[in-house]
Amino acid sequence: MSTLQDLELHWSSLRRAWRVRHVRRGAYGTGLITLGSLTPAYLPQNSPWWRMLRVLHFTGTPARIVGTLLVMAGLMLLVDAWFRMRPGAQPDGEAVAYVNLKHWAVLAIWGAPFLLAPPIFSHDAYSYAAQGWLIHNGINPYHGNVMLLPGAFADQVAWVWRRTPAPYGPLSLQMQHLIVDACRFDPYVSALAMRIPALIGVVLIGLLVPRIAVLLRTDPAEAAWMATLNPVLVIDFIGGAHNDALMVGLLVAGLWLAFRASWTWLLSAVLIGAAAAIKQPAILAAYALPLIPRAWASWRWRELLVTVLRVLVSFAISIATFAGITRLTGLGWGWLDAVDVPGMVVTVSPSTIIGQSGQLLVNMLGLDPSGHTVIRYARTSGMVIAVLLIATFALTIARRRPITFLAWSFLAVALCSPALHSWYVLWGGVLLPLTRPSQRMVRSAVWATVVLLSYAAINLAYRNSVSAVDAFNPAVALGVTAVAVFGWQLHLHERSTDARRRLRSRHRP
């Protein structure tokens, strides 16, 4: 098939997808989120958008309220579209339109409005640009911070990250450097261009997750819906331009390659090493790779020896790839001293919430002069729990279900870490539909998606409030209202899903 025929086929898939009303509804949702992102909550003061907003006198309380309203309305439309796109969720009269629907086309349509939008719900892309600017000027981001070069790049970065070293892998930092150079040192354009590697990751996820599902004999449509069309992925990986997208994309590519032949896991280990050079947690996948073509059959010493040797070879190749990239970039291993940087902000991490609650009680009783001992122990306990869970999964689940091991282990790392962000949950969330999840687990994943979006809505509304102490600010009220609507949407979705399940069970022979 010629290139022209391929393009016509892809264009036809996009047109077919656009004709489906729920696809259009999701696109309208991301379009409204894009418009609402032009708001004081997430625009740095030196953003070029501010000049236009000031000319329009759209920077005060009305702008904050309108921006919040647009984002909340967009989130509601996107969530509703996602629920209605679930396989089997359509009435019989509409089901035909979904038979030949390409999920990559839906993802492309939903993500398109974000391509020229400022970073959505996060300032991390501005930090990436500032770190690339540091490298251009001969400063290692592992040993310095963006405030060593005051100016437009540093001014875009969220204040909490301005004096911290970079925690990312060396390949991620070097890509940031190349992007800044390619954008001719324009701070805002450089931040926007950080979407390029993120989009590469999203393309890999969108194309390969359904293919892996077929290889595992699971439903590719359900996998695509749960992973690639998930609103959290659309918003955080495309809208937020997080480097986690490329890490997960390379990881998924490595897993797919490991299924191709009995020896291709060796090449997969190279991809996992590159993924870890983007963000370090990917190295965990090196354990699973040799177990994909050859399961760990028994505890007999010969079988155990062969399995251990294969796992050691996988780790050796991945670590050697990581070390080679580190050597080529010349940035060194300074990220080891910055592993605690993500935990410097208060998030909804369970260990941090427990630690903060306990610390508050201890401080009231005057039992801890340092003011952070309980938090420190709670966070350490969370990481210990994660290590124990991963070790247990490695010796049990991974033997015959390596993908399940990876999904659960990444979720354990995300949930037990000192910092929890919605894009961390995607590390394991993208793989979760490949594990043959039970209905209860699918329901939990859907609930988690809505909870994470609700947190983002409340966070945006709080940032957009005129006064941080004004609990009755209209923007905050809109955020609370949006959360209530998300809950109602989820209730309706669960009720209709249960009704369809009961109907199918009655007609089952």
Protein backbone atom coordinates (compact mmCIF):
# COMPACT_ATOMS: atom_id res chain seq x y z
CA MET A 1 0.00 0.00 0.00
CA SER A 2 1.40 3.39 -1.00
CA THR A 3 1.98 6.26 1.39
CA LEU A 4 -0.86 8.18 -0.25
CA GLN A 5 -3.24 5.28 0.33
CA ASP A 6 -2.11 5.05 3.95
CA LEU A 7 -2.82 8.74 4.48
CA GLU A 8 -6.24 8.39 2.89
CA LEU A 9 -7.00 5.42 5.13
CA HIS A 10 -5.95 7.34 8.26
CA TRP A 11 -7.93 10.39 7.20
CA SER A 12 -10.96 8.19 6.60
CA SER A 13 -10.60 6.78 10.13
CA LEU A 14 -10.50 10.30 11.55
CA ARG A 15 -13.59 11.34 9.57
CA ARG A 16 -15.45 8.22 10.70
CA ALA A 17 -14.55 8.91 14.30
CA TRP A 18 -15.64 12.55 14.08
CA ARG A 19 -19.08 11.50 12.89
CA VAL A 20 -19.69 9.75 16.22
CA ARG A 21 -21.37 12.25 18.52
CA HIS A 22 -19.66 11.07 21.69
CA VAL A 23 -16.27 11.58 20.04
CA ARG A 24 -17.27 15.13 19.19
CA ARG A 25 -18.48 15.62 22.76
CA GLY A 26 -15.05 14.67 24.10
CA ALA A 27 -13.38 17.05 21.64
CA TYR A 28 -15.65 19.88 22.78
CA GLY A 29 -14.61 19.02 26.32
CA THR A 30 -10.87 19.27 25.65
CA GLY A 31 -11.54 22.43 23.65
CA LEU A 32 -13.23 24.05 26.66
CA ILE A 33 -10.39 22.92 28.93
CA THR A 34 -7.95 24.56 26.51
CA LEU A 35 -9.85 27.85 26.64
CA GLY A 36 -10.15 27.64 30.42
CA SER A 37 -6.41 27.08 30.76
CA LEU A 38 -5.88 30.70 29.73
CA THR A 39 -6.46 31.66 33.32
CA PRO A 40 -4.39 33.18 36.15
CA ALA A 41 -4.31 29.78 37.87
CA TYR A 42 -1.73 28.23 35.55
CA LEU A 43 -0.28 31.02 33.40
CA PRO A 44 3.14 32.29 34.50
CA GLN A 45 3.32 36.08 34.69
CA ASN A 46 5.72 36.23 31.74
CA SER A 47 3.53 34.06 29.52
CA PRO A 48 2.73 35.73 26.17
CA TRP A 49 -0.94 35.02 26.85
CA TRP A 50 -0.93 37.61 29.64
CA ARG A 51 -0.43 40.43 27.16
CA MET A 52 -3.63 39.49 25.34
CA LEU A 53 -5.55 38.96 28.60
CA ARG A 54 -4.49 42.38 29.89
CA VAL A 55 -5.52 44.08 26.66
CA LEU A 56 -8.94 42.44 27.00
CA HIS A 57 -9.07 43.35 30.71
CA PHE A 58 -9.61 39.68 31.40
CA THR A 59 -7.39 39.18 34.44
CA GLY A 60 -9.63 39.89 37.43
CA THR A 61 -12.34 37.99 39.26
CA PRO A 62 -14.62 37.51 36.20
CA ALA A 63 -11.73 35.94 34.27
CA ARG A 64 -10.98 33.54 37.11
CA ILE A 65 -14.61 32.49 37.38
CA VAL A 66 -15.07 32.11 33.62
CA GLY A 67 -11.79 30.16 33.31
CA THR A 68 -12.83 27.81 36.11
CA LEU A 69 -16.31 27.37 34.62
CA LEU A 70 -14.89 26.51 31.18
CA VAL A 71 -12.49 23.92 32.61
CA MET A 72 -15.17 22.31 34.77
CA ALA A 73 -17.61 22.15 31.85
CA GLY A 74 -14.88 20.67 29.66
CA LEU A 75 -14.05 18.02 32.25
CA MET A 76 -17.70 17.05 32.54
CA LEU A 77 -18.05 16.67 28.78
CA LEU A 78 -14.85 14.64 28.51
CA VAL A 79 -15.81 12.31 31.38
CA ASP A 80 -19.30 11.85 29.94
CA ALA A 81 -17.88 11.09 26.49
CA TRP A 82 -15.47 8.56 28.01
CA PHE A 83 -18.25 6.78 29.86
CA ARG A 84 -20.38 6.62 26.72
CA MET A 85 -17.45 5.33 24.62
CA ARG A 86 -17.10 2.25 26.83
CA PRO A 87 -17.47 -0.93 24.76
CA GLY A 88 -21.03 -2.18 25.03
CA ALA A 89 -22.29 1.07 26.55
CA GLN A 90 -24.19 2.12 23.42
CA PRO A 91 -27.81 1.25 22.66
CA ASP A 92 -28.34 -1.29 19.88
CA GLY A 93 -29.26 1.45 17.44
CA GLU A 94 -25.93 3.20 17.91
CA ALA A 95 -23.66 0.18 18.30
CA VAL A 96 -22.99 -0.14 14.57
CA ALA A 97 -21.16 3.20 14.53
CA TYR A 98 -18.62 1.81 17.00
CA VAL A 99 -17.75 -1.46 15.26
CA ASN A 100 -15.01 -0.09 12.99
CA LEU A 101 -14.08 2.88 15.15
CA LYS A 102 -10.31 3.30 15.54
CA HIS A 103 -9.41 4.26 19.09
CA TRP A 104 -6.23 6.01 17.97
CA ALA A 105 -8.44 8.31 15.88
CA VAL A 106 -10.58 9.13 18.92
CA LEU A 107 -7.45 9.82 20.95
CA ALA A 108 -6.11 12.09 18.21
CA ILE A 109 -9.36 14.06 18.05
CA TRP A 110 -9.62 14.45 21.82
CA GLY A 111 -5.98 15.46 22.18
CA ALA A 112 -5.85 17.88 19.23
CA PRO A 113 -7.13 20.99 21.13
CA PHE A 114 -4.29 20.60 23.64
CA LEU A 115 -1.49 20.82 21.07
CA LEU A 116 -1.22 24.62 21.15
CA ALA A 117 -2.58 25.13 24.68
CA PRO A 118 -0.34 26.12 27.59
CA PRO A 119 0.59 23.20 29.86
CA ILE A 120 -2.60 21.86 31.44
CA PHE A 121 -2.98 21.43 35.24
CA SER A 122 0.80 21.49 35.80
CA HIS A 123 3.89 23.69 35.47
CA ASP A 124 6.30 20.78 34.94
CA ALA A 125 6.81 21.57 31.25
CA TYR A 126 8.13 25.00 32.25
CA SER A 127 10.61 23.27 34.56
CA TYR A 128 11.73 21.05 31.68
CA ALA A 129 12.42 24.12 29.55
CA ALA A 130 14.37 25.82 32.33
CA GLN A 131 16.48 22.71 32.88
CA GLY A 132 17.25 22.55 29.17
CA TRP A 133 18.30 26.20 29.35
CA LEU A 134 20.67 25.34 32.21
CA ILE A 135 22.38 22.64 30.16
CA HIS A 136 22.72 25.00 27.20
CA ASN A 137 24.61 27.36 29.48
CA GLY A 138 26.91 24.65 30.81
CA ILE A 139 25.15 24.11 34.16
CA ASN A 140 24.33 20.56 35.23
CA PRO A 141 20.70 20.50 36.53
CA TYR A 142 21.70 17.78 38.99
CA HIS A 143 24.13 20.14 40.70
CA GLY A 144 22.31 23.46 40.35
CA ASN A 145 18.82 24.92 40.10
CA VAL A 146 17.01 27.14 37.65
CA MET A 147 17.52 30.27 39.79
CA LEU A 148 21.22 30.17 38.92
CA LEU A 149 20.05 31.75 35.66
CA PRO A 150 17.39 34.32 36.64
CA GLY A 151 15.23 35.44 33.76
CA ALA A 152 12.38 34.36 31.54
CA PHE A 153 13.02 30.61 31.81
CA ALA A 154 13.25 30.63 35.61
CA ASP A 155 10.26 32.98 35.96
CA GLN A 156 8.00 30.38 34.33
CA VAL A 157 8.85 27.67 36.87
CA ALA A 158 6.57 27.09 39.86
CA TRP A 159 8.16 28.66 42.91
CA VAL A 160 8.47 25.37 44.81
CA TRP A 161 10.81 23.93 42.12
CA ARG A 162 12.97 26.99 41.52
CA ARG A 163 15.70 26.03 43.99
CA THR A 164 15.67 22.24 43.66
CA PRO A 165 17.92 19.99 41.52
CA ALA A 166 16.41 17.94 38.71
CA PRO A 167 15.21 14.44 39.66
CA TYR A 168 14.75 13.20 36.07
CA GLY A 169 16.87 10.77 34.07
CA PRO A 170 19.76 12.02 31.92
CA LEU A 171 18.05 11.26 28.60
CA SER A 172 15.06 13.37 29.62
CA LEU A 173 17.31 16.31 30.51
CA GLN A 174 19.31 16.06 27.29
CA MET A 175 16.09 16.00 25.25
CA GLN A 176 14.96 19.12 27.08
CA HIS A 177 18.26 20.74 26.11
CA LEU A 178 17.83 19.83 22.44
CA ILE A 179 14.25 21.14 22.41
CA VAL A 180 15.30 24.48 23.93
CA ASP A 181 18.02 24.83 21.29
CA ALA A 182 15.62 23.87 18.49
CA CYS A 183 13.11 26.48 19.71
CA ARG A 184 15.78 29.19 19.52
CA PHE A 185 15.73 29.74 23.29
CA ASP A 186 12.14 30.97 23.44
CA PRO A 187 10.91 30.08 26.97
CA TYR A 188 7.22 29.64 26.20
CA VAL A 189 7.66 27.87 22.86
CA SER A 190 10.21 25.56 24.48
CA ALA A 191 7.68 24.62 27.16
CA LEU A 192 5.04 23.91 24.49
CA ALA A 193 7.52 21.80 22.51
CA MET A 194 7.95 19.52 25.51
CA ARG A 195 4.75 17.94 24.19
CA ILE A 196 6.72 16.41 21.30
CA PRO A 197 8.36 13.60 23.32
CA ALA A 198 5.13 13.23 25.31
CA LEU A 199 3.18 12.74 22.07
CA ILE A 200 5.66 10.11 20.91
CA GLY A 201 4.93 8.23 24.13
CA VAL A 202 1.17 8.62 23.68
CA VAL A 203 1.38 7.30 20.10
CA LEU A 204 3.29 4.23 21.30
CA ILE A 205 0.71 3.64 24.04
CA GLY A 206 -2.25 4.14 21.72
CA LEU A 207 -0.92 1.82 19.03
CA LEU A 208 0.62 -0.95 21.12
CA VAL A 209 -1.64 -1.43 24.16
CA PRO A 210 -4.48 -2.90 22.01
CA ARG A 211 -1.94 -5.09 20.17
CA ILE A 212 -0.58 -6.46 23.43
CA ALA A 213 -4.17 -7.10 24.52
CA VAL A 214 -4.69 -9.25 21.42
CA LEU A 215 -1.50 -11.21 22.18
CA LEU A 216 -2.74 -11.78 25.74
CA ARG A 217 -6.21 -12.76 24.47
CA THR A 218 -7.92 -9.91 26.29
CA ASP A 219 -10.43 -7.49 24.77
CA PRO A 220 -8.44 -4.86 22.81
CA ALA A 221 -11.41 -2.47 22.70
CA GLU A 222 -11.79 -2.58 26.48
CA ALA A 223 -8.02 -2.12 26.91
CA ALA A 224 -8.02 0.87 24.56
CA TRP A 225 -10.98 2.44 26.35
CA MET A 226 -9.60 1.91 29.85
CA ALA A 227 -6.00 2.93 29.11
CA THR A 228 -5.57 5.08 26.02
CA LEU A 229 -8.88 6.97 26.06
CA ASN A 230 -8.74 7.53 29.80
CA PRO A 231 -9.31 11.26 30.51
CA VAL A 232 -6.37 11.29 32.94
CA LEU A 233 -4.03 10.15 30.15
CA VAL A 234 -5.47 12.66 27.68
CA ILE A 235 -5.15 15.54 30.15
CA ASP A 236 -1.83 14.68 31.83
CA PHE A 237 0.17 13.10 29.02
CA ILE A 238 -1.01 15.32 26.16
CA GLY A 239 -2.21 18.42 28.00
CA GLY A 240 0.39 18.35 30.77
CA ALA A 241 3.28 17.20 28.52
CA HIS A 242 4.75 15.10 31.33
CA ASN A 243 7.89 13.13 30.52
CA ASP A 244 6.17 10.12 32.11
CA ALA A 245 4.36 9.73 28.77
CA LEU A 246 7.55 8.87 26.89
CA MET A 247 8.72 6.63 29.73
CA VAL A 248 5.48 4.63 29.62
CA GLY A 249 5.48 4.62 25.81
CA LEU A 250 8.98 3.12 25.65
CA LEU A 251 8.03 0.64 28.37
CA VAL A 252 4.96 -0.49 26.42
CA ALA A 253 7.08 -0.78 23.27
CA GLY A 254 9.55 -2.96 25.17
CA LEU A 255 6.77 -5.23 26.42
CA TRP A 256 5.28 -5.55 22.93
CA LEU A 257 8.70 -6.43 21.48
CA ALA A 258 9.20 -9.12 24.13
CA PHE A 259 6.15 -10.96 22.75
CA ARG A 260 7.50 -11.11 19.19
CA ALA A 261 9.98 -14.01 19.56
CA SER A 262 11.75 -16.01 22.24
CA TRP A 263 14.87 -13.81 22.09
CA THR A 264 13.46 -10.31 21.48
CA TRP A 265 13.27 -9.61 25.24
CA LEU A 266 16.99 -8.90 24.95
CA LEU A 267 16.21 -5.96 22.65
CA SER A 268 13.34 -5.00 24.95
CA ALA A 269 15.84 -4.60 27.79
CA VAL A 270 17.55 -1.86 25.76
CA LEU A 271 14.23 0.00 25.45
CA ILE A 272 13.64 -0.37 29.19
CA GLY A 273 17.07 1.10 29.88
CA ALA A 274 16.19 4.05 27.65
CA ALA A 275 12.81 4.43 29.40
CA ALA A 276 14.58 4.47 32.78
CA ALA A 277 16.88 7.19 31.44
CA ILE A 278 13.71 9.25 30.99
CA LYS A 279 12.30 8.40 34.42
CA GLN A 280 13.93 5.86 36.69
CA PRO A 281 10.97 3.67 37.86
CA ALA A 282 10.85 2.06 34.39
CA ILE A 283 13.84 -0.12 35.36
CA LEU A 284 11.38 -2.32 37.27
CA ALA A 285 10.18 -3.74 33.93
CA ALA A 286 13.55 -5.44 33.41
CA TYR A 287 12.41 -8.12 35.86
CA ALA A 288 9.32 -8.98 33.81
CA LEU A 289 10.85 -9.11 30.32
CA PRO A 290 12.43 -12.62 30.36
CA LEU A 291 9.28 -14.02 31.98
CA ILE A 292 7.12 -13.02 29.01
CA PRO A 293 8.42 -15.60 26.48
CA ARG A 294 9.34 -18.16 29.16
CA ALA A 295 7.36 -18.44 32.39
CA TRP A 296 8.96 -19.36 35.70
CA ALA A 297 7.62 -22.90 35.78
CA SER A 298 8.65 -24.28 39.17
CA TRP A 299 10.91 -23.95 42.24
CA ARG A 300 13.24 -26.74 41.13
CA TRP A 301 16.84 -25.62 41.39
CA ARG A 302 17.58 -25.93 37.64
CA GLU A 303 14.48 -23.93 36.68
CA LEU A 304 15.25 -21.38 39.39
CA LEU A 305 18.84 -21.00 38.17
CA VAL A 306 17.79 -20.45 34.55
CA THR A 307 15.16 -17.88 35.56
CA VAL A 308 17.55 -15.98 37.82
CA LEU A 309 20.22 -15.88 35.10
CA ARG A 310 17.75 -14.55 32.53
CA VAL A 311 16.52 -11.88 34.94
CA LEU A 312 20.11 -10.87 35.74
CA VAL A 313 20.89 -10.59 32.02
CA SER A 314 17.81 -8.40 31.53
CA PHE A 315 18.83 -6.08 34.35
CA ALA A 316 22.42 -6.02 33.10
CA ILE A 317 21.37 -4.92 29.61
CA SER A 318 18.94 -2.31 30.94
CA ILE A 319 21.42 -0.88 33.44
CA ALA A 320 24.21 -0.91 30.84
CA THR A 321 21.93 1.03 28.47
CA PHE A 322 21.12 3.52 31.22
CA ALA A 323 24.82 3.88 32.09
CA GLY A 324 25.76 4.32 28.43
CA ILE A 325 23.19 7.08 27.99
CA THR A 326 24.43 8.71 31.18
CA ARG A 327 27.99 8.62 29.87
CA LEU A 328 26.99 10.05 26.49
CA THR A 329 25.05 12.93 28.03
CA GLY A 330 27.88 13.74 30.43
CA LEU A 331 25.38 14.60 33.17
CA GLY A 332 26.42 11.93 35.65
CA TRP A 333 24.41 10.29 38.41
CA GLY A 334 23.40 13.39 40.35
CA TRP A 335 19.75 12.40 40.24
CA LEU A 336 20.52 10.02 43.12
CA ASP A 337 20.78 13.07 45.37
CA ALA A 338 17.43 14.42 44.13
CA VAL A 339 15.16 11.40 44.60
CA ASP A 340 13.39 13.18 47.47
CA VAL A 341 12.56 16.28 45.42
CA PRO A 342 9.04 15.18 44.30
CA GLY A 343 8.09 14.71 47.95
CA MET A 344 8.76 18.37 48.76
CA VAL A 345 5.16 19.27 47.95
CA VAL A 346 2.09 18.08 49.83
CA THR A 347 -0.03 15.77 47.67
CA VAL A 348 -2.78 13.22 48.25
CA SER A 349 -0.22 10.47 48.83
CA PRO A 350 -1.65 8.13 51.50
CA SER A 351 1.62 8.07 53.47
CA THR A 352 1.82 11.87 53.41
CA ILE A 353 -1.83 12.28 54.49
CA ILE A 354 -1.33 9.82 57.36
CA GLY A 355 1.94 11.50 58.32
CA GLN A 356 0.45 14.99 58.21
CA SER A 357 -2.50 13.91 60.36
CA GLY A 358 -0.26 12.23 62.91
CA GLN A 359 2.16 15.15 62.89
CA LEU A 360 -0.67 17.57 63.59
CA LEU A 361 -1.67 15.59 66.68
CA VAL A 362 1.93 15.28 67.88
CA ASN A 363 2.53 19.01 67.39
CA MET A 364 -0.62 19.85 69.39
CA LEU A 365 0.78 17.78 72.26
CA GLY A 366 4.22 19.36 71.91
CA LEU A 367 5.94 15.98 71.56
CA ASP A 368 8.07 16.67 68.48
CA PRO A 369 10.33 19.75 68.50
CA SER A 370 11.44 19.10 64.91
CA GLY A 371 7.87 19.26 63.55
CA HIS A 372 8.35 16.57 60.90
CA THR A 373 9.35 13.28 62.55
CA VAL A 374 5.96 11.59 62.11
CA ILE A 375 5.78 12.64 58.46
CA ARG A 376 9.25 11.27 57.82
CA TYR A 377 8.46 7.92 59.44
CA ALA A 378 5.12 7.65 57.63
CA ARG A 379 6.74 8.25 54.27
CA THR A 380 9.53 5.78 55.01
CA SER A 381 6.94 3.21 56.04
CA GLY A 382 5.12 3.77 52.77
CA MET A 383 8.25 3.01 50.75
CA VAL A 384 8.96 -0.09 52.86
CA ILE A 385 5.43 -1.32 52.16
CA ALA A 386 5.99 -0.73 48.42
CA VAL A 387 9.23 -2.74 48.47
CA LEU A 388 7.56 -5.62 50.35
CA LEU A 389 4.63 -5.63 47.94
CA ILE A 390 6.90 -5.66 44.89
CA ALA A 391 9.00 -8.48 46.36
CA THR A 392 5.85 -10.50 47.04
CA PHE A 393 4.50 -9.88 43.54
CA ALA A 394 7.90 -10.80 42.04
CA LEU A 395 7.94 -14.21 43.72
CA THR A 396 4.29 -15.05 43.10
CA ILE A 397 2.36 -13.19 40.39
CA ALA A 398 5.32 -12.49 38.11
CA ARG A 399 6.07 -16.17 37.60
CA ARG A 400 3.21 -16.65 35.14
CA ARG A 401 1.68 -13.17 34.79
CA PRO A 402 4.56 -10.72 34.32
CA ILE A 403 2.33 -7.93 32.96
CA THR A 404 0.11 -8.18 36.04
CA PHE A 405 3.22 -8.00 38.21
CA LEU A 406 4.27 -4.80 36.47
CA ALA A 407 0.86 -3.14 36.66
CA TRP A 408 0.42 -3.89 40.35
CA SER A 409 4.03 -3.02 41.22
CA PHE A 410 3.89 0.36 39.48
CA LEU A 411 0.62 1.11 41.24
CA ALA A 412 2.23 0.14 44.56
CA VAL A 413 5.15 2.51 43.90
CA ALA A 414 2.80 5.35 42.93
CA LEU A 415 0.42 4.90 45.87
CA CYS A 416 3.09 4.34 48.53
CA SER A 417 5.50 7.09 47.44
CA PRO A 418 5.81 10.36 49.41
CA ALA A 419 4.30 12.20 46.43
CA LEU A 420 1.29 11.07 44.41
CA HIS A 421 0.25 12.71 41.16
CA SER A 422 -2.34 11.50 38.70
CA TRP A 423 0.32 10.91 36.02
CA TYR A 424 2.16 8.57 38.43
CA VAL A 425 -0.94 6.37 38.59
CA LEU A 426 -0.76 5.99 34.81
CA TRP A 427 2.50 4.01 35.12
CA GLY A 428 0.51 0.98 36.19
CA GLY A 429 -2.89 2.20 35.04
CA VAL A 430 -1.96 1.90 31.37
CA LEU A 431 -1.06 -1.77 31.92
CA LEU A 432 -4.00 -2.61 34.17
CA PRO A 433 -6.47 -3.53 31.38
CA LEU A 434 -3.92 -6.08 30.12
CA THR A 435 -4.18 -8.06 33.37
CA ARG A 436 -7.69 -9.48 32.77
CA PRO A 437 -9.04 -7.31 35.57
CA SER A 438 -12.17 -8.35 37.42
CA GLN A 439 -15.32 -6.24 37.25
CA ARG A 440 -14.54 -5.01 40.75
CA MET A 441 -11.06 -3.90 39.69
CA VAL A 442 -12.41 -2.15 36.57
CA ARG A 443 -14.93 -0.36 38.74
CA SER A 444 -12.14 0.68 41.13
CA ALA A 445 -10.11 2.01 38.19
CA VAL A 446 -13.07 4.04 36.95
CA TRP A 447 -13.61 5.42 40.46
CA ALA A 448 -9.90 6.27 40.74
CA THR A 449 -10.08 8.16 37.44
CA VAL A 450 -12.99 10.27 38.67
CA VAL A 451 -11.30 10.90 42.04
CA LEU A 452 -8.09 12.07 40.36
CA LEU A 453 -10.04 14.38 38.05
CA SER A 454 -12.01 15.71 41.02
CA TYR A 455 -8.78 16.52 42.82
CA ALA A 456 -7.51 18.34 39.73
CA ALA A 457 -10.78 20.30 39.54
CA ILE A 458 -10.62 21.35 43.20
CA ASN A 459 -6.93 22.23 42.87
CA LEU A 460 -7.58 24.41 39.81
CA ALA A 461 -10.52 26.14 41.50
CA TYR A 462 -8.47 26.80 44.64
CA ARG A 463 -5.60 28.28 42.62
CA ASN A 464 -8.08 30.39 40.67
CA SER A 465 -9.67 31.81 43.80
CA VAL A 466 -9.20 35.50 44.47
CA SER A 467 -8.18 34.82 48.04
CA ALA A 468 -6.68 31.58 49.32
CA VAL A 469 -8.54 32.05 52.62
CA ASP A 470 -11.91 32.84 51.09
CA ALA A 471 -13.76 29.55 51.42
CA PHE A 472 -16.83 30.91 49.64
CA ASN A 473 -15.05 32.20 46.58
CA PRO A 474 -17.14 31.53 43.42
CA ALA A 475 -14.25 29.70 41.73
CA VAL A 476 -13.93 27.30 44.65
CA ALA A 477 -17.71 26.81 44.67
CA LEU A 478 -17.55 25.87 40.99
CA GLY A 479 -14.87 23.28 41.77
CA VAL A 480 -16.98 21.71 44.50
CA THR A 481 -20.01 21.70 42.19
CA ALA A 482 -17.95 19.97 39.48
CA VAL A 483 -16.95 17.23 41.91
CA ALA A 484 -20.62 16.67 42.76
CA VAL A 485 -21.44 16.41 39.04
CA PHE A 486 -18.58 13.92 38.51
CA GLY A 487 -20.05 11.82 41.31
CA TRP A 488 -23.49 11.91 39.71
CA GLN A 489 -22.04 11.00 36.29
CA LEU A 490 -20.23 8.08 37.87
CA HIS A 491 -23.41 6.93 39.62
CA LEU A 492 -25.37 6.97 36.36
CA HIS A 493 -22.57 5.14 34.54
CA GLU A 494 -22.34 2.44 37.19
CA ARG A 495 -26.11 2.00 37.24
CA SER A 496 -26.37 1.63 33.46
CA THR A 497 -23.36 -0.74 33.42
CA ASP A 498 -24.96 -2.97 36.06
CA ALA A 499 -28.27 -2.94 34.16
CA ARG A 500 -26.60 -4.03 30.92
CA ARG A 501 -24.68 -6.76 32.77
CA ARG A 502 -27.89 -8.14 34.27
CA LEU A 503 -29.61 -8.02 30.88
CA ARG A 504 -26.76 -9.96 29.23
CA SER A 505 -26.79 -12.57 31.98
CA ARG A 506 -30.54 -13.17 31.45
CA HIS A 507 -30.09 -13.74 27.72
CA ARG A 508 -27.04 -15.93 28.12
CA PRO A 509 -27.82 -19.52 27.13
